[in-house]
Amino acid sequence: MSDWCDAEEVPLPIPAQVPAGEEVEFNRTGLYLTLSRAGRRQRTQVIQYRNLPDGTRAILTVVDWPAPSIRMVWVAWDPGRMSLEYTSGTVLATAEAVPRQGDARAIATDEMLDCFTGPPTSYWPHRDVEVRIGGLWRPGKLRSLFHGPGGRAVAWVTTSLYEPEWGTWVTFRRMYHWNPEAIRPAHTTQPERN
């Protein structure tokens, strides 16, 4: 993000009420938008987005500035002024679409539940790591390790991956099966293995 200037509103019709269920992008994908309004940053859920004939991508979201109003608004997507984060593990990044041997393995929501019974090891705010995704080592932030029996563990990691659909780097939150061959401390000088 180069500049936290206020988001530009787009004059599109606003729904009378927030759409429900699967009509809401966030409900399907966990997509958050961080933007600036009235000189303040806000993290908010993406309700819908659409591409306009002039090439603008408009995002429908809820803002709570200026206070005390809370309202829906369409804003023009600007990767230089905003950021995106997918919090649902079901949304694959372009780099994850074709898994390669040696890649970190994201776990399903109902997998390795025995790792979540005790207190995690937290790395506040995070520990810099590299995560093997799409056959390449990519920077990530290890937030916590959840320990299970027999040395098994789940790593909560965020990583930024370039998404052509959005034309920018997007943050992805993942729960990975802990494997030191696929998640390592940052700046490790081990040679790449194919």
N, C-alpha and C. Protein backbone atom coordinates (compact mmCIF):
# COMPACT_ATOMS: atom_id res chain seq x y z
N MET A 1 0.83 -1.15 0.00
CA MET A 1 0.00 0.00 0.00
C MET A 1 0.89 1.23 0.00
N SER A 2 0.73 2.05 -0.98
CA SER A 2 1.59 3.21 -1.07
C SER A 2 1.00 4.42 -0.36
N ASP A 3 -0.32 4.49 -0.27
CA ASP A 3 -0.94 5.69 0.26
C ASP A 3 -2.29 5.33 0.86
N TRP A 4 -2.56 5.82 2.06
CA TRP A 4 -3.85 5.54 2.69
C TRP A 4 -4.80 6.70 2.47
N CYS A 5 -5.02 7.08 1.21
CA CYS A 5 -6.00 8.10 0.89
C CYS A 5 -7.39 7.49 0.99
N ASP A 6 -8.40 8.32 1.19
CA ASP A 6 -9.76 7.83 1.31
C ASP A 6 -10.22 7.11 0.06
N ALA A 7 -11.02 6.06 0.28
CA ALA A 7 -11.60 5.30 -0.82
C ALA A 7 -12.54 6.18 -1.62
N GLU A 8 -12.55 5.98 -2.91
CA GLU A 8 -13.42 6.75 -3.80
C GLU A 8 -14.75 6.01 -3.95
N GLU A 9 -15.84 6.70 -3.66
CA GLU A 9 -17.16 6.09 -3.80
C GLU A 9 -17.55 6.00 -5.27
N VAL A 10 -18.33 4.96 -5.59
CA VAL A 10 -18.82 4.73 -6.95
C VAL A 10 -20.34 4.88 -6.90
N PRO A 11 -20.90 5.70 -7.81
CA PRO A 11 -22.35 5.94 -7.77
C PRO A 11 -23.16 4.79 -8.39
N LEU A 12 -23.33 3.73 -7.61
CA LEU A 12 -24.16 2.59 -8.01
C LEU A 12 -25.31 2.47 -7.02
N PRO A 13 -26.42 1.87 -7.44
CA PRO A 13 -27.54 1.70 -6.51
C PRO A 13 -27.15 0.83 -5.31
N ILE A 14 -27.55 1.26 -4.14
CA ILE A 14 -27.28 0.55 -2.90
C ILE A 14 -28.50 -0.31 -2.57
N PRO A 15 -28.31 -1.59 -2.26
CA PRO A 15 -29.45 -2.42 -1.87
C PRO A 15 -30.14 -1.85 -0.63
N ALA A 16 -31.45 -2.11 -0.52
CA ALA A 16 -32.21 -1.61 0.63
C ALA A 16 -31.76 -2.27 1.92
N GLN A 17 -31.26 -3.51 1.82
CA GLN A 17 -30.73 -4.20 3.00
C GLN A 17 -29.56 -5.07 2.57
N VAL A 18 -28.74 -5.45 3.54
CA VAL A 18 -27.58 -6.29 3.24
C VAL A 18 -28.09 -7.62 2.70
N PRO A 19 -27.55 -8.06 1.55
CA PRO A 19 -27.96 -9.36 1.03
C PRO A 19 -27.69 -10.47 2.04
N ALA A 20 -28.33 -11.61 1.83
CA ALA A 20 -28.22 -12.70 2.80
C ALA A 20 -27.46 -13.89 2.23
N GLY A 21 -26.94 -14.72 3.13
CA GLY A 21 -26.36 -16.01 2.79
C GLY A 21 -25.29 -15.96 1.73
N GLU A 22 -25.42 -16.83 0.73
CA GLU A 22 -24.42 -17.00 -0.31
C GLU A 22 -24.31 -15.81 -1.26
N GLU A 23 -25.25 -14.87 -1.17
CA GLU A 23 -25.15 -13.66 -2.00
C GLU A 23 -24.03 -12.75 -1.50
N VAL A 24 -23.58 -12.98 -0.28
CA VAL A 24 -22.52 -12.16 0.32
C VAL A 24 -21.17 -12.83 0.07
N GLU A 25 -20.29 -12.13 -0.60
CA GLU A 25 -18.95 -12.65 -0.91
C GLU A 25 -18.24 -13.13 0.34
N PHE A 26 -18.30 -12.37 1.42
CA PHE A 26 -17.61 -12.76 2.65
C PHE A 26 -18.11 -14.11 3.16
N ASN A 27 -19.41 -14.36 3.07
CA ASN A 27 -19.96 -15.64 3.55
C ASN A 27 -19.40 -16.82 2.77
N ARG A 28 -19.07 -16.62 1.50
CA ARG A 28 -18.52 -17.69 0.67
C ARG A 28 -17.01 -17.81 0.80
N THR A 29 -16.30 -16.69 0.92
CA THR A 29 -14.84 -16.71 0.79
C THR A 29 -14.08 -16.11 1.96
N GLY A 30 -14.76 -15.46 2.89
CA GLY A 30 -14.06 -14.82 4.01
C GLY A 30 -13.21 -13.64 3.54
N LEU A 31 -13.67 -12.92 2.50
CA LEU A 31 -12.87 -11.82 1.94
C LEU A 31 -13.09 -10.52 2.70
N TYR A 32 -11.98 -10.03 3.27
CA TYR A 32 -11.96 -8.74 3.96
C TYR A 32 -11.29 -7.68 3.08
N LEU A 33 -11.73 -6.44 3.23
CA LEU A 33 -11.15 -5.28 2.57
C LEU A 33 -10.71 -4.31 3.65
N THR A 34 -9.48 -3.79 3.53
CA THR A 34 -9.03 -2.71 4.41
C THR A 34 -8.93 -1.46 3.54
N LEU A 35 -9.58 -0.40 3.99
CA LEU A 35 -9.61 0.85 3.23
C LEU A 35 -9.54 2.02 4.19
N SER A 36 -9.52 3.21 3.64
CA SER A 36 -9.51 4.42 4.45
C SER A 36 -10.77 5.23 4.14
N ARG A 37 -11.43 5.71 5.20
CA ARG A 37 -12.61 6.57 5.07
C ARG A 37 -12.48 7.67 6.10
N ALA A 38 -12.74 8.87 5.69
CA ALA A 38 -12.68 10.02 6.60
C ALA A 38 -11.36 10.05 7.35
N GLY A 39 -10.28 9.66 6.66
CA GLY A 39 -8.95 9.71 7.24
C GLY A 39 -8.61 8.60 8.20
N ARG A 40 -9.48 7.59 8.31
CA ARG A 40 -9.25 6.47 9.23
C ARG A 40 -9.30 5.15 8.48
N ARG A 41 -8.47 4.21 8.90
CA ARG A 41 -8.48 2.88 8.30
C ARG A 41 -9.62 2.05 8.88
N GLN A 42 -10.17 1.22 8.03
CA GLN A 42 -11.23 0.33 8.45
C GLN A 42 -11.09 -1.01 7.75
N ARG A 43 -11.24 -2.08 8.52
CA ARG A 43 -11.26 -3.44 7.97
C ARG A 43 -12.72 -3.85 7.94
N THR A 44 -13.20 -4.23 6.77
CA THR A 44 -14.61 -4.53 6.60
C THR A 44 -14.80 -5.71 5.66
N GLN A 45 -15.96 -6.30 5.70
CA GLN A 45 -16.25 -7.46 4.86
C GLN A 45 -16.69 -7.02 3.47
N VAL A 46 -16.26 -7.80 2.46
CA VAL A 46 -16.71 -7.56 1.09
C VAL A 46 -18.08 -8.22 0.92
N ILE A 47 -19.07 -7.43 0.58
CA ILE A 47 -20.42 -7.95 0.37
C ILE A 47 -20.56 -8.47 -1.06
N GLN A 48 -20.20 -7.64 -2.01
CA GLN A 48 -20.25 -8.01 -3.43
C GLN A 48 -19.19 -7.20 -4.16
N TYR A 49 -18.84 -7.66 -5.36
CA TYR A 49 -18.03 -6.82 -6.23
C TYR A 49 -18.45 -7.08 -7.67
N ARG A 50 -18.21 -6.07 -8.50
CA ARG A 50 -18.54 -6.20 -9.92
C ARG A 50 -17.60 -5.34 -10.74
N ASN A 51 -17.38 -5.78 -11.96
CA ASN A 51 -16.56 -5.03 -12.90
C ASN A 51 -17.46 -4.15 -13.75
N LEU A 52 -17.12 -2.88 -13.82
CA LEU A 52 -17.91 -1.91 -14.58
C LEU A 52 -17.35 -1.77 -16.00
N PRO A 53 -18.18 -1.27 -16.94
CA PRO A 53 -17.73 -1.14 -18.34
C PRO A 53 -16.48 -0.28 -18.52
N ASP A 54 -16.23 0.68 -17.61
CA ASP A 54 -15.05 1.55 -17.75
C ASP A 54 -13.78 0.90 -17.20
N GLY A 55 -13.88 -0.37 -16.74
CA GLY A 55 -12.71 -1.06 -16.20
C GLY A 55 -12.58 -0.98 -14.70
N THR A 56 -13.41 -0.17 -14.04
CA THR A 56 -13.38 -0.06 -12.58
C THR A 56 -13.98 -1.31 -11.96
N ARG A 57 -13.34 -1.80 -10.93
CA ARG A 57 -13.95 -2.86 -10.11
C ARG A 57 -14.56 -2.17 -8.90
N ALA A 58 -15.87 -2.32 -8.74
CA ALA A 58 -16.59 -1.72 -7.62
C ALA A 58 -16.83 -2.77 -6.55
N ILE A 59 -16.61 -2.38 -5.29
CA ILE A 59 -16.79 -3.28 -4.16
C ILE A 59 -17.87 -2.70 -3.24
N LEU A 60 -18.88 -3.51 -2.95
CA LEU A 60 -19.92 -3.12 -2.00
C LEU A 60 -19.48 -3.59 -0.61
N THR A 61 -19.45 -2.65 0.33
CA THR A 61 -19.01 -2.96 1.68
C THR A 61 -19.78 -2.10 2.68
N VAL A 62 -19.54 -2.31 3.94
CA VAL A 62 -20.17 -1.52 5.00
C VAL A 62 -19.09 -0.65 5.64
N VAL A 63 -19.39 0.62 5.81
CA VAL A 63 -18.45 1.53 6.48
C VAL A 63 -19.16 2.16 7.67
N ASP A 64 -18.37 2.56 8.65
CA ASP A 64 -18.98 3.19 9.82
C ASP A 64 -18.43 4.59 10.08
N TRP A 65 -17.92 5.22 9.02
CA TRP A 65 -17.50 6.61 9.14
C TRP A 65 -18.14 7.40 8.03
N PRO A 66 -18.45 8.61 8.18
CA PRO A 66 -18.26 9.37 9.42
C PRO A 66 -19.26 8.94 10.48
N ALA A 67 -18.78 8.95 11.72
CA ALA A 67 -19.61 8.53 12.86
C ALA A 67 -20.81 9.47 12.96
N PRO A 68 -21.93 9.05 13.38
CA PRO A 68 -22.28 7.74 13.92
C PRO A 68 -22.94 6.83 12.88
N SER A 69 -22.78 7.11 11.60
CA SER A 69 -23.50 6.33 10.59
C SER A 69 -22.83 5.00 10.29
N ILE A 70 -23.63 4.01 10.00
CA ILE A 70 -23.17 2.73 9.48
C ILE A 70 -23.98 2.52 8.22
N ARG A 71 -23.28 2.36 7.11
CA ARG A 71 -24.01 2.26 5.85
C ARG A 71 -23.23 1.43 4.84
N MET A 72 -23.96 0.94 3.84
CA MET A 72 -23.32 0.27 2.72
C MET A 72 -22.90 1.32 1.71
N VAL A 73 -21.79 1.03 1.03
CA VAL A 73 -21.28 1.95 0.03
C VAL A 73 -20.51 1.14 -1.02
N TRP A 74 -20.59 1.60 -2.26
CA TRP A 74 -19.75 1.03 -3.32
C TRP A 74 -18.48 1.87 -3.39
N VAL A 75 -17.32 1.21 -3.40
CA VAL A 75 -16.05 1.92 -3.54
C VAL A 75 -15.30 1.35 -4.73
N ALA A 76 -14.46 2.19 -5.33
CA ALA A 76 -13.63 1.76 -6.46
C ALA A 76 -12.39 1.05 -5.92
N TRP A 77 -12.18 -0.18 -6.36
CA TRP A 77 -11.00 -0.95 -5.95
C TRP A 77 -9.76 -0.25 -6.43
N ASP A 78 -8.82 -0.04 -5.51
CA ASP A 78 -7.54 0.60 -5.82
C ASP A 78 -6.45 -0.14 -5.05
N PRO A 79 -5.69 -1.02 -5.74
CA PRO A 79 -4.69 -1.81 -5.01
C PRO A 79 -3.58 -0.99 -4.38
N GLY A 80 -3.42 0.26 -4.78
CA GLY A 80 -2.42 1.12 -4.17
C GLY A 80 -2.89 1.74 -2.86
N ARG A 81 -4.20 1.71 -2.61
CA ARG A 81 -4.77 2.34 -1.41
C ARG A 81 -5.50 1.38 -0.49
N MET A 82 -5.67 0.13 -0.92
CA MET A 82 -6.47 -0.83 -0.17
C MET A 82 -5.74 -2.16 -0.10
N SER A 83 -6.22 -3.03 0.77
CA SER A 83 -5.67 -4.39 0.81
C SER A 83 -6.80 -5.39 0.99
N LEU A 84 -6.52 -6.64 0.62
CA LEU A 84 -7.50 -7.72 0.70
C LEU A 84 -6.93 -8.87 1.50
N GLU A 85 -7.82 -9.62 2.18
CA GLU A 85 -7.40 -10.81 2.91
C GLU A 85 -8.50 -11.85 2.82
N TYR A 86 -8.11 -13.05 2.36
CA TYR A 86 -9.02 -14.20 2.36
C TYR A 86 -8.79 -14.97 3.65
N THR A 87 -9.85 -15.14 4.44
CA THR A 87 -9.72 -15.85 5.70
C THR A 87 -10.27 -17.27 5.62
N SER A 88 -10.91 -17.62 4.52
CA SER A 88 -11.43 -18.97 4.35
C SER A 88 -10.38 -19.84 3.69
N GLY A 89 -10.11 -20.97 4.29
CA GLY A 89 -9.13 -21.89 3.71
C GLY A 89 -9.61 -22.59 2.46
N THR A 90 -10.88 -22.42 2.11
CA THR A 90 -11.41 -23.08 0.91
C THR A 90 -11.10 -22.33 -0.37
N VAL A 91 -10.69 -21.07 -0.27
CA VAL A 91 -10.36 -20.27 -1.45
C VAL A 91 -8.89 -20.49 -1.78
N LEU A 92 -8.63 -21.04 -2.96
CA LEU A 92 -7.25 -21.28 -3.36
C LEU A 92 -6.68 -20.05 -4.05
N ALA A 93 -5.45 -19.72 -3.68
CA ALA A 93 -4.72 -18.69 -4.41
C ALA A 93 -4.28 -19.27 -5.75
N THR A 94 -4.00 -18.42 -6.71
CA THR A 94 -3.53 -18.88 -8.01
C THR A 94 -2.30 -19.76 -7.84
N ALA A 95 -1.39 -19.38 -6.95
CA ALA A 95 -0.16 -20.14 -6.72
C ALA A 95 -0.44 -21.51 -6.11
N GLU A 96 -1.59 -21.68 -5.46
CA GLU A 96 -1.94 -22.95 -4.82
C GLU A 96 -2.74 -23.87 -5.74
N ALA A 97 -3.19 -23.36 -6.87
CA ALA A 97 -4.11 -24.10 -7.74
C ALA A 97 -3.52 -25.43 -8.22
N VAL A 98 -2.23 -25.46 -8.47
CA VAL A 98 -1.56 -26.70 -8.89
C VAL A 98 -0.53 -27.05 -7.82
N PRO A 99 -0.90 -27.92 -6.86
CA PRO A 99 0.04 -28.28 -5.80
C PRO A 99 1.26 -29.01 -6.36
N ARG A 100 2.39 -28.73 -5.78
CA ARG A 100 3.64 -29.37 -6.18
C ARG A 100 4.16 -30.23 -5.04
N GLN A 101 4.92 -31.23 -5.37
CA GLN A 101 5.52 -32.08 -4.34
C GLN A 101 6.37 -31.21 -3.43
N GLY A 102 6.21 -31.41 -2.12
CA GLY A 102 6.97 -30.63 -1.14
C GLY A 102 6.26 -29.39 -0.66
N ASP A 103 5.09 -29.04 -1.25
CA ASP A 103 4.34 -27.87 -0.80
C ASP A 103 3.76 -28.10 0.59
N ALA A 104 3.56 -27.00 1.33
CA ALA A 104 2.86 -27.08 2.60
C ALA A 104 1.43 -27.55 2.33
N ARG A 105 0.92 -28.38 3.22
CA ARG A 105 -0.42 -28.93 3.03
C ARG A 105 -1.40 -28.25 3.98
N ALA A 106 -2.34 -27.50 3.39
CA ALA A 106 -3.39 -26.88 4.20
C ALA A 106 -4.33 -27.97 4.69
N ILE A 107 -4.80 -27.82 5.92
CA ILE A 107 -5.71 -28.82 6.45
C ILE A 107 -7.15 -28.37 6.25
N ALA A 108 -8.06 -29.34 6.21
CA ALA A 108 -9.48 -29.05 6.13
C ALA A 108 -9.98 -28.62 7.51
N THR A 109 -11.13 -27.99 7.53
CA THR A 109 -11.70 -27.47 8.78
C THR A 109 -11.86 -28.55 9.84
N ASP A 110 -12.22 -29.76 9.43
CA ASP A 110 -12.49 -30.82 10.40
C ASP A 110 -11.32 -31.80 10.54
N GLU A 111 -10.15 -31.41 10.09
CA GLU A 111 -8.98 -32.29 10.12
C GLU A 111 -8.09 -31.95 11.33
N MET A 112 -7.44 -32.96 11.87
CA MET A 112 -6.47 -32.81 12.96
C MET A 112 -7.05 -32.09 14.18
N LEU A 113 -8.30 -32.37 14.50
CA LEU A 113 -8.97 -31.69 15.61
C LEU A 113 -8.29 -31.95 16.94
N ASP A 114 -7.59 -33.08 17.05
CA ASP A 114 -6.91 -33.38 18.31
C ASP A 114 -5.76 -32.41 18.60
N CYS A 115 -5.37 -31.60 17.63
CA CYS A 115 -4.32 -30.60 17.84
C CYS A 115 -4.86 -29.33 18.50
N PHE A 116 -6.18 -29.21 18.61
CA PHE A 116 -6.78 -27.98 19.12
C PHE A 116 -7.37 -28.13 20.52
N THR A 117 -6.92 -29.13 21.25
CA THR A 117 -7.49 -29.36 22.58
C THR A 117 -6.73 -28.63 23.69
N GLY A 118 -5.49 -28.31 23.48
CA GLY A 118 -4.69 -27.63 24.50
C GLY A 118 -4.32 -26.23 24.06
N PRO A 119 -3.60 -25.51 24.92
CA PRO A 119 -3.19 -24.15 24.56
C PRO A 119 -2.14 -24.17 23.45
N PRO A 120 -2.24 -23.23 22.50
CA PRO A 120 -1.26 -23.17 21.42
C PRO A 120 0.01 -22.45 21.88
N THR A 121 1.06 -22.60 21.08
CA THR A 121 2.26 -21.79 21.23
C THR A 121 2.05 -20.58 20.32
N SER A 122 1.97 -19.40 20.92
CA SER A 122 1.72 -18.18 20.14
C SER A 122 3.01 -17.44 19.88
N TYR A 123 3.08 -16.81 18.74
CA TYR A 123 4.24 -16.00 18.35
C TYR A 123 3.73 -14.59 18.11
N TRP A 124 3.64 -13.81 19.16
CA TRP A 124 3.07 -12.47 19.04
C TRP A 124 4.12 -11.46 18.64
N PRO A 125 3.92 -10.60 17.64
CA PRO A 125 2.76 -10.66 16.75
C PRO A 125 2.87 -11.79 15.72
N HIS A 126 4.10 -12.19 15.39
CA HIS A 126 4.30 -13.32 14.48
C HIS A 126 5.79 -13.66 14.42
N ARG A 127 6.09 -14.79 13.84
CA ARG A 127 7.47 -15.18 13.55
C ARG A 127 7.58 -15.29 12.02
N ASP A 128 8.59 -14.64 11.45
CA ASP A 128 8.78 -14.71 10.00
C ASP A 128 9.20 -16.12 9.59
N VAL A 129 8.49 -16.65 8.60
CA VAL A 129 8.79 -17.98 8.07
C VAL A 129 8.74 -17.93 6.55
N GLU A 130 9.16 -19.03 5.95
CA GLU A 130 8.98 -19.24 4.51
C GLU A 130 8.13 -20.48 4.35
N VAL A 131 7.17 -20.40 3.44
CA VAL A 131 6.21 -21.48 3.21
C VAL A 131 6.35 -21.94 1.77
N ARG A 132 6.42 -23.24 1.59
CA ARG A 132 6.54 -23.80 0.24
C ARG A 132 5.13 -23.86 -0.37
N ILE A 133 4.90 -23.04 -1.40
CA ILE A 133 3.61 -22.95 -2.09
C ILE A 133 3.89 -22.89 -3.58
N GLY A 134 3.24 -23.75 -4.35
CA GLY A 134 3.42 -23.74 -5.80
C GLY A 134 4.85 -24.06 -6.21
N GLY A 135 5.56 -24.83 -5.38
CA GLY A 135 6.93 -25.21 -5.68
C GLY A 135 7.97 -24.17 -5.34
N LEU A 136 7.55 -23.04 -4.74
CA LEU A 136 8.48 -21.96 -4.40
C LEU A 136 8.38 -21.62 -2.91
N TRP A 137 9.48 -21.13 -2.34
CA TRP A 137 9.46 -20.63 -0.97
C TRP A 137 8.91 -19.22 -0.99
N ARG A 138 7.88 -18.97 -0.17
CA ARG A 138 7.23 -17.66 -0.13
C ARG A 138 7.21 -17.15 1.31
N PRO A 139 7.34 -15.83 1.50
CA PRO A 139 7.36 -15.30 2.87
C PRO A 139 6.00 -15.48 3.55
N GLY A 140 6.05 -15.77 4.84
CA GLY A 140 4.83 -15.92 5.62
C GLY A 140 5.05 -15.47 7.05
N LYS A 141 3.96 -15.44 7.80
CA LYS A 141 4.00 -15.05 9.20
C LYS A 141 3.34 -16.16 10.01
N LEU A 142 4.13 -16.83 10.83
CA LEU A 142 3.62 -17.86 11.72
C LEU A 142 2.99 -17.19 12.92
N ARG A 143 1.71 -17.42 13.13
CA ARG A 143 0.98 -16.81 14.24
C ARG A 143 0.95 -17.72 15.46
N SER A 144 0.66 -19.02 15.24
CA SER A 144 0.55 -19.97 16.34
C SER A 144 0.82 -21.38 15.86
N LEU A 145 1.22 -22.23 16.80
CA LEU A 145 1.32 -23.67 16.59
C LEU A 145 0.36 -24.35 17.55
N PHE A 146 -0.46 -25.25 17.04
CA PHE A 146 -1.40 -26.01 17.84
C PHE A 146 -0.88 -27.44 17.90
N HIS A 147 -0.63 -27.94 19.10
CA HIS A 147 0.05 -29.22 19.29
C HIS A 147 -0.92 -30.35 19.54
N GLY A 148 -0.64 -31.49 18.91
CA GLY A 148 -1.44 -32.68 19.09
C GLY A 148 -0.57 -33.82 19.60
N PRO A 149 -1.14 -35.01 19.70
CA PRO A 149 -0.39 -36.15 20.19
C PRO A 149 0.68 -36.60 19.19
N GLY A 150 1.72 -37.22 19.72
CA GLY A 150 2.76 -37.80 18.86
C GLY A 150 3.56 -36.78 18.07
N GLY A 151 3.64 -35.55 18.56
CA GLY A 151 4.44 -34.54 17.87
C GLY A 151 3.74 -33.88 16.68
N ARG A 152 2.50 -34.26 16.42
CA ARG A 152 1.76 -33.61 15.33
C ARG A 152 1.42 -32.19 15.72
N ALA A 153 1.34 -31.31 14.73
CA ALA A 153 0.99 -29.92 15.01
C ALA A 153 0.38 -29.28 13.78
N VAL A 154 -0.37 -28.21 14.05
CA VAL A 154 -0.97 -27.39 13.01
C VAL A 154 -0.39 -25.99 13.15
N ALA A 155 0.04 -25.41 12.03
CA ALA A 155 0.61 -24.06 12.02
C ALA A 155 -0.40 -23.09 11.42
N TRP A 156 -0.68 -22.01 12.16
CA TRP A 156 -1.53 -20.94 11.64
C TRP A 156 -0.60 -19.91 11.02
N VAL A 157 -0.69 -19.75 9.69
CA VAL A 157 0.24 -18.91 8.93
C VAL A 157 -0.55 -17.97 8.03
N THR A 158 -0.08 -16.73 7.90
CA THR A 158 -0.60 -15.84 6.86
C THR A 158 0.51 -15.61 5.87
N THR A 159 0.13 -15.56 4.61
CA THR A 159 1.10 -15.32 3.55
C THR A 159 0.46 -14.45 2.48
N SER A 160 1.26 -13.66 1.79
CA SER A 160 0.76 -12.82 0.71
C SER A 160 1.16 -13.43 -0.62
N LEU A 161 0.17 -13.59 -1.48
CA LEU A 161 0.39 -14.18 -2.80
C LEU A 161 -0.21 -13.27 -3.85
N TYR A 162 0.47 -13.17 -5.00
CA TYR A 162 -0.03 -12.30 -6.06
C TYR A 162 -1.25 -12.94 -6.70
N GLU A 163 -2.32 -12.15 -6.81
CA GLU A 163 -3.56 -12.62 -7.42
C GLU A 163 -3.87 -11.80 -8.67
N PRO A 164 -3.72 -12.43 -9.85
CA PRO A 164 -4.00 -11.70 -11.10
C PRO A 164 -5.42 -11.13 -11.16
N GLU A 165 -6.39 -11.83 -10.57
CA GLU A 165 -7.78 -11.34 -10.59
C GLU A 165 -7.90 -9.96 -9.97
N TRP A 166 -7.11 -9.70 -8.92
CA TRP A 166 -7.16 -8.42 -8.22
C TRP A 166 -6.02 -7.48 -8.62
N GLY A 167 -5.01 -8.01 -9.31
CA GLY A 167 -3.89 -7.17 -9.74
C GLY A 167 -3.00 -6.71 -8.60
N THR A 168 -2.91 -7.52 -7.54
CA THR A 168 -2.11 -7.13 -6.38
C THR A 168 -1.81 -8.36 -5.51
N TRP A 169 -1.02 -8.12 -4.47
CA TRP A 169 -0.73 -9.15 -3.48
C TRP A 169 -1.89 -9.21 -2.51
N VAL A 170 -2.37 -10.41 -2.23
CA VAL A 170 -3.50 -10.62 -1.35
C VAL A 170 -3.05 -11.53 -0.20
N THR A 171 -3.50 -11.23 1.00
CA THR A 171 -3.15 -12.05 2.16
C THR A 171 -4.09 -13.24 2.25
N PHE A 172 -3.51 -14.40 2.54
CA PHE A 172 -4.28 -15.63 2.74
C PHE A 172 -3.95 -16.18 4.11
N ARG A 173 -4.98 -16.53 4.87
CA ARG A 173 -4.84 -17.15 6.19
C ARG A 173 -4.98 -18.66 6.00
N ARG A 174 -4.03 -19.41 6.54
CA ARG A 174 -4.06 -20.86 6.37
C ARG A 174 -3.72 -21.58 7.66
N MET A 175 -4.29 -22.75 7.81
CA MET A 175 -3.90 -23.72 8.83
C MET A 175 -3.20 -24.83 8.06
N TYR A 176 -1.90 -25.01 8.32
CA TYR A 176 -1.09 -26.01 7.63
C TYR A 176 -0.71 -27.14 8.59
N HIS A 177 -0.62 -28.33 8.04
CA HIS A 177 0.00 -29.44 8.76
C HIS A 177 1.45 -29.03 8.97
N TRP A 178 1.91 -29.04 10.23
CA TRP A 178 3.28 -28.61 10.52
C TRP A 178 4.26 -29.61 9.92
N ASN A 179 5.13 -29.10 9.05
CA ASN A 179 6.15 -29.91 8.41
C ASN A 179 7.35 -29.00 8.16
N PRO A 180 8.48 -29.22 8.87
CA PRO A 180 9.65 -28.36 8.71
C PRO A 180 10.25 -28.39 7.30
N GLU A 181 9.86 -29.37 6.50
CA GLU A 181 10.32 -29.43 5.11
C GLU A 181 9.53 -28.47 4.23
N ALA A 182 8.37 -27.99 4.72
CA ALA A 182 7.51 -27.11 3.92
C ALA A 182 7.29 -25.75 4.57
N ILE A 183 7.61 -25.62 5.85
CA ILE A 183 7.53 -24.34 6.57
C ILE A 183 8.82 -24.22 7.36
N ARG A 184 9.60 -23.21 7.07
CA ARG A 184 10.91 -23.07 7.73
C ARG A 184 11.10 -21.63 8.19
N PRO A 185 12.04 -21.41 9.12
CA PRO A 185 12.34 -20.03 9.53
C PRO A 185 12.76 -19.20 8.31
N ALA A 186 12.42 -17.94 8.33
CA ALA A 186 12.77 -17.05 7.21
C ALA A 186 14.28 -16.97 7.05
N HIS A 187 14.71 -16.72 5.85
CA HIS A 187 16.12 -16.51 5.50
C HIS A 187 16.97 -17.75 5.71
N THR A 188 16.36 -18.92 5.59
CA THR A 188 17.10 -20.17 5.67
C THR A 188 17.87 -20.33 4.36
N THR A 189 19.09 -20.79 4.48
CA THR A 189 19.94 -20.87 3.27
C THR A 189 19.98 -22.27 2.68
N GLN A 190 19.00 -23.12 3.02
CA GLN A 190 18.97 -24.45 2.42
C GLN A 190 18.76 -24.33 0.92
N PRO A 191 19.40 -25.20 0.13
CA PRO A 191 19.18 -25.15 -1.30
C PRO A 191 17.78 -25.62 -1.65
N GLU A 192 17.23 -25.09 -2.74
CA GLU A 192 15.91 -25.49 -3.23
C GLU A 192 15.98 -26.93 -3.70
N ARG A 193 14.91 -27.69 -3.40
CA ARG A 193 14.81 -29.05 -3.91
C ARG A 193 13.60 -29.13 -4.81
N ASN A 194 13.75 -29.76 -5.94
CA ASN A 194 12.62 -29.89 -6.87
C ASN A 194 11.93 -31.21 -6.72
